[in-house]
Amino acid sequence: MKIAYASDRGRVRSTNQDYTGVFINKVGTQLAIVADGVGGENGGDVASTMAVSHLGNEWQQTGINDLAAAQAWVKDYVSSENETIVQAAKRYKTLQGMATTIVMAVILPDRVGIANLGDSRAYLIRQQAITQLTEDHNLAEELVQHGAITPAQARKHPGRNVITRQLGADTVTDVDWFELPLQAGDYLLMTSDGMVKHLDNRAILQSILAGGDGLETTVKTLIEQTNQAGGSDNITVLLGYQESEGQ
C-alpha cells in the first residue's frame, strides 16, 4: 500500500503530542501507527513517541505475514508497552499521568488488520463512501452505545474528552481488533482526534476523492482544512492507497 503521513501542532496547542510512523518487517508487511499523547507535564509527547517507536522497532524484527499472527503480536506487545509507559510514569515526576491513544494497521497485500485504544480513528474509503472502522473509547461513545444520547449529541458532549481506554493509563489493555479485505482503489485513513473535531465525514471524503492518489497533497490539504476550521488540537493524518489487487 502506498502511504503518506504528516503531523501538525494545530493553531492552539503550544506543542505537538501526536506521533506517527510506518514500519516494514522482514517479509515486507507494513505496520502504520498513529498515537495521540495525553497527560503529564511533558508526558503526552513522551508516551506517544515511546509507543510508536518501541512498537515500530519491534515490528521490524518480525517475519509476520498473516493477520492471526499479527493480532497475537499486537496483543502481546501492546500489553508490554503499556507496562513500560506505566513504569516510566511512576519513575519520573514530570511524566506522572502520561498515556496515549493508539491506532495501528497491519497491512497485507489483500487484507488489513486494525487495532485501537482510545479515540484515534481508522476509516475506509471505498467506492466514494467513507466508513469509520474503529469505535471511540470515550465516555460519549459509551453513552451512545447504551442509548443515553444520540451520535449527533455525542459530537458536542463533554464526555468525548474523557478517554476510557488508552495506553499507559492502566495495567490492563483491551485492544479492539478488526479485519477486512482490501480492494483496488481503497483508501485507508488513520487520524488523531484533532482532525475529526473540525471536519465531518463528508468534508473528509470530498478532500480525499478530489486528491486522487496524490497522497502527500491530500494529507496536506486535510491538515490545512482542519487548521482553517479552528485547529484546536494537534492534527495527524496518515493516508494509504491500494493501487491494485495485492499491492
Protein backbone atom coordinates (compact mmCIF):
# COMPACT_ATOMS: atom_id res chain seq x y z
CA MET A 1 0.00 0.00 0.00
CA LYS A 2 1.23 3.48 -0.88
CA ILE A 3 1.23 5.66 2.26
CA ALA A 4 1.77 9.33 3.15
CA TYR A 5 1.50 10.99 6.54
CA ALA A 6 2.13 14.25 8.37
CA SER A 7 1.54 15.80 11.79
CA ASP A 8 0.89 19.39 12.84
CA ARG A 9 0.52 21.04 16.25
CA GLY A 10 -2.59 22.98 15.15
CA ARG A 11 -3.40 26.61 15.87
CA VAL A 12 -3.94 26.48 19.64
CA ARG A 13 -1.58 23.98 21.28
CA SER A 14 1.99 25.05 22.01
CA THR A 15 3.40 21.55 21.44
CA ASN A 16 2.57 18.53 19.32
CA GLN A 17 1.89 15.43 21.40
CA ASP A 18 0.91 13.27 18.41
CA TYR A 19 3.37 10.84 16.87
CA THR A 20 3.14 8.64 13.79
CA GLY A 21 5.16 6.27 11.65
CA VAL A 22 5.16 3.40 9.16
CA PHE A 23 7.36 0.36 9.69
CA ILE A 24 8.14 -2.63 7.46
CA ASN A 25 9.12 -6.04 8.82
CA LYS A 26 11.49 -8.64 7.39
CA VAL A 27 8.95 -10.00 4.90
CA GLY A 28 7.65 -6.61 3.76
CA THR A 29 4.49 -6.38 5.90
CA GLN A 30 3.62 -2.78 6.77
CA LEU A 31 2.64 -1.52 10.21
CA ALA A 32 1.16 2.00 10.31
CA ILE A 33 0.69 3.72 13.68
CA VAL A 34 -0.91 6.97 14.89
CA ALA A 35 -0.71 7.91 18.58
CA ASP A 36 -2.11 10.91 20.46
CA GLY A 37 -0.42 11.52 23.81
CA VAL A 38 -2.20 12.87 26.87
CA GLY A 39 -1.42 13.75 30.47
CA GLY A 40 1.64 14.71 32.46
CA GLU A 41 3.60 17.96 32.50
CA ASN A 42 5.58 16.84 29.46
CA GLY A 43 4.31 13.30 29.29
CA GLY A 44 1.93 13.24 26.35
CA ASP A 45 4.59 13.54 23.70
CA VAL A 46 6.81 11.09 25.58
CA ALA A 47 4.07 8.45 25.77
CA SER A 48 3.12 8.72 22.09
CA THR A 49 6.75 8.70 20.95
CA MET A 50 7.54 5.70 23.14
CA ALA A 51 4.56 3.74 21.88
CA VAL A 52 5.18 4.34 18.17
CA SER A 53 8.96 3.95 18.32
CA HIS A 54 9.00 0.85 20.50
CA LEU A 55 6.21 -0.98 18.70
CA GLY A 56 7.61 0.00 15.31
CA ASN A 57 11.12 -1.15 16.15
CA GLU A 58 9.85 -4.48 17.48
CA TRP A 59 7.70 -4.97 14.37
CA GLN A 60 10.70 -4.54 12.10
CA GLN A 61 12.28 -7.62 13.67
CA THR A 62 9.33 -9.92 12.90
CA GLY A 63 8.52 -12.11 9.91
CA ILE A 64 4.74 -11.89 10.33
CA ASN A 65 2.70 -12.13 7.13
CA ASP A 66 -0.76 -13.22 8.31
CA LEU A 67 -3.39 -11.49 10.43
CA ALA A 68 -3.81 -14.21 13.04
CA ALA A 69 -0.15 -13.89 13.97
CA ALA A 70 -0.40 -10.11 13.73
CA GLN A 71 -3.32 -9.99 16.15
CA ALA A 72 -1.43 -12.12 18.68
CA TRP A 73 1.66 -9.93 18.27
CA VAL A 74 -0.36 -6.73 18.76
CA LYS A 75 -1.98 -8.09 21.93
CA ASP A 76 1.35 -9.10 23.44
CA TYR A 77 3.38 -6.05 22.52
CA VAL A 78 0.70 -3.50 23.35
CA SER A 79 0.45 -5.07 26.80
CA SER A 80 4.24 -4.94 27.16
CA GLU A 81 4.44 -1.34 26.00
CA ASN A 82 1.61 -0.40 28.34
CA GLU A 83 3.68 -1.66 31.26
CA THR A 84 6.75 0.22 30.00
CA ILE A 85 4.81 3.51 29.90
CA VAL A 86 3.21 2.89 33.31
CA GLN A 87 6.60 2.25 34.90
CA ALA A 88 8.18 5.31 33.26
CA ALA A 89 5.34 7.48 34.58
CA LYS A 90 5.93 6.15 38.09
CA ARG A 91 9.67 6.73 37.86
CA TYR A 92 9.64 10.38 36.74
CA LYS A 93 7.54 13.06 38.41
CA THR A 94 7.11 15.13 35.24
CA LEU A 95 5.69 12.10 33.43
CA GLN A 96 3.07 11.17 36.01
CA GLY A 97 -0.32 10.59 34.39
CA MET A 98 1.04 10.27 30.88
CA ALA A 99 -0.74 7.98 28.42
CA THR A 100 -1.56 7.80 24.74
CA THR A 101 -4.29 6.71 22.39
CA ILE A 102 -3.15 4.49 19.56
CA VAL A 103 -4.49 3.14 16.28
CA MET A 104 -2.49 0.63 14.23
CA ALA A 105 -2.92 -1.06 10.86
CA VAL A 106 -1.16 -4.27 9.83
CA ILE A 107 -1.32 -4.14 6.03
CA LEU A 108 -1.06 -7.28 3.94
CA PRO A 109 -1.28 -7.34 0.13
CA ASP A 110 -5.01 -8.10 0.20
CA ARG A 111 -6.16 -7.63 3.81
CA VAL A 112 -5.74 -5.25 6.72
CA GLY A 113 -5.99 -5.67 10.49
CA ILE A 114 -6.82 -2.64 12.62
CA ALA A 115 -6.16 -2.29 16.37
CA ASN A 116 -7.04 0.68 18.57
CA LEU A 117 -7.19 2.09 22.08
CA GLY A 118 -8.79 5.50 22.66
CA ASP A 119 -10.27 7.90 20.13
CA SER A 120 -7.70 7.96 17.35
CA ARG A 121 -9.54 6.53 14.37
CA ALA A 122 -9.27 4.43 11.22
CA TYR A 123 -11.54 4.88 8.21
CA LEU A 124 -12.03 3.01 4.94
CA ILE A 125 -12.87 4.98 1.80
CA ARG A 126 -14.28 2.67 -0.86
CA GLN A 127 -16.35 3.41 -3.96
CA GLN A 128 -16.93 7.04 -2.94
CA ALA A 129 -18.16 6.15 0.56
CA ILE A 130 -16.42 6.61 3.91
CA THR A 131 -16.79 4.16 6.81
CA GLN A 132 -15.36 4.55 10.31
CA LEU A 133 -13.71 1.23 11.18
CA THR A 134 -12.85 1.88 14.83
CA GLU A 135 -15.04 2.76 17.79
CA ASP A 136 -14.03 5.65 20.05
CA HIS A 137 -13.15 4.65 23.59
CA ASN A 138 -14.57 7.67 25.39
CA LEU A 139 -17.47 8.41 27.70
CA ALA A 140 -19.63 9.98 24.99
CA GLU A 141 -19.40 6.88 22.79
CA GLU A 142 -20.26 4.65 25.75
CA LEU A 143 -23.38 6.74 26.35
CA VAL A 144 -24.30 6.30 22.68
CA GLN A 145 -23.84 2.54 22.96
CA HIS A 146 -26.17 2.49 25.98
CA GLY A 147 -28.78 4.62 24.19
CA ALA A 148 -28.41 7.54 26.60
CA ILE A 149 -27.51 10.06 23.88
CA THR A 150 -27.57 10.13 20.08
CA PRO A 151 -24.46 10.12 17.84
CA ALA A 152 -25.23 13.74 16.95
CA GLN A 153 -25.32 14.69 20.63
CA ALA A 154 -22.07 12.80 21.22
CA ARG A 155 -20.18 15.11 18.85
CA LYS A 156 -20.69 18.00 21.30
CA HIS A 157 -20.92 16.07 24.56
CA PRO A 158 -18.18 16.85 27.14
CA GLY A 159 -17.73 13.11 27.59
CA ARG A 160 -15.94 12.91 24.24
CA ASN A 161 -12.88 14.30 26.06
CA VAL A 162 -12.99 11.57 28.72
CA ILE A 163 -10.93 8.67 27.33
CA THR A 164 -11.96 5.30 28.76
CA ARG A 165 -9.21 3.14 27.22
CA GLN A 166 -5.66 4.21 26.47
CA LEU A 167 -2.08 3.00 26.53
CA GLY A 168 -0.26 3.67 29.81
CA ALA A 169 -3.27 4.65 31.92
CA ASP A 170 -3.99 1.23 33.42
CA THR A 171 -2.41 -2.16 33.98
CA VAL A 172 -4.89 -3.84 31.64
CA THR A 173 -5.16 -3.18 27.89
CA ASP A 174 -8.19 -4.36 25.95
CA VAL A 175 -7.38 -3.68 22.31
CA ASP A 176 -10.14 -3.71 19.70
CA TRP A 177 -9.23 -5.66 16.56
CA PHE A 178 -10.91 -5.50 13.14
CA GLU A 179 -10.09 -7.25 9.86
CA LEU A 180 -11.27 -6.58 6.34
CA PRO A 181 -10.27 -7.35 2.74
CA LEU A 182 -8.64 -4.69 0.60
CA GLN A 183 -9.73 -3.82 -2.93
CA ALA A 184 -8.02 -1.84 -5.66
CA GLY A 185 -8.86 1.84 -5.21
CA ASP A 186 -9.38 1.64 -1.44
CA TYR A 187 -8.09 4.37 0.85
CA LEU A 188 -7.16 3.72 4.46
CA LEU A 189 -7.25 6.84 6.64
CA MET A 190 -5.86 6.98 10.18
CA THR A 191 -6.03 10.11 12.29
CA SER A 192 -5.83 11.53 15.78
CA ASP A 193 -9.00 13.22 17.01
CA GLY A 194 -7.68 16.69 16.16
CA MET A 195 -8.98 16.46 12.59
CA VAL A 196 -12.39 14.98 13.31
CA LYS A 197 -13.15 17.72 15.84
CA HIS A 198 -13.44 20.07 12.89
CA LEU A 199 -14.07 18.04 9.72
CA ASP A 200 -17.08 15.78 9.30
CA ASN A 201 -17.14 12.65 7.17
CA ARG A 202 -18.48 14.48 4.13
CA ALA A 203 -15.67 17.05 4.16
CA ILE A 204 -13.04 14.35 4.67
CA LEU A 205 -14.44 12.24 1.83
CA GLN A 206 -14.60 15.17 -0.58
CA SER A 207 -10.96 16.08 0.04
CA ILE A 208 -9.75 12.52 -0.45
CA LEU A 209 -11.74 11.94 -3.64
CA ALA A 210 -10.62 15.28 -5.05
CA GLY A 211 -7.00 14.39 -4.39
CA GLY A 212 -6.97 11.21 -6.46
CA ASP A 213 -3.90 9.20 -5.47
CA GLY A 214 -1.73 12.26 -4.78
CA LEU A 215 -1.46 11.25 -1.15
CA GLU A 216 1.03 13.84 0.10
CA THR A 217 -1.10 16.67 -1.29
CA THR A 218 -4.28 15.22 0.17
CA VAL A 219 -2.72 14.82 3.62
CA LYS A 220 -1.53 18.44 3.50
CA THR A 221 -4.97 19.61 2.39
CA LEU A 222 -6.75 17.82 5.24
CA ILE A 223 -4.40 19.39 7.79
CA GLU A 224 -4.84 22.85 6.25
CA GLN A 225 -8.62 22.50 6.26
CA THR A 226 -8.58 21.43 9.90
CA ASN A 227 -6.50 24.46 10.84
CA GLN A 228 -8.75 26.76 8.85
CA ALA A 229 -11.73 25.36 10.75
CA GLY A 230 -10.12 26.11 14.12
CA GLY A 231 -7.15 23.80 14.62
CA SER A 232 -7.95 23.41 18.31
CA ASP A 233 -5.79 20.31 18.78
CA ASN A 234 -2.79 18.54 17.31
CA ILE A 235 -3.53 17.05 13.88
CA THR A 236 -2.10 13.84 12.47
CA VAL A 237 -3.23 12.34 9.17
CA LEU A 238 -1.98 9.07 7.66
CA LEU A 239 -3.45 8.08 4.30
CA GLY A 240 -2.88 4.87 2.38
CA TYR A 241 -3.98 3.97 -1.16
CA GLN A 242 -4.40 0.46 -2.52
CA GLU A 243 -3.20 0.84 -6.09
CA SER A 244 -4.24 -2.60 -7.33
CA GLU A 245 -5.25 -6.01 -6.01
CA GLY A 246 -2.49 -7.40 -3.83
CA GLN A 247 -0.41 -4.21 -3.71
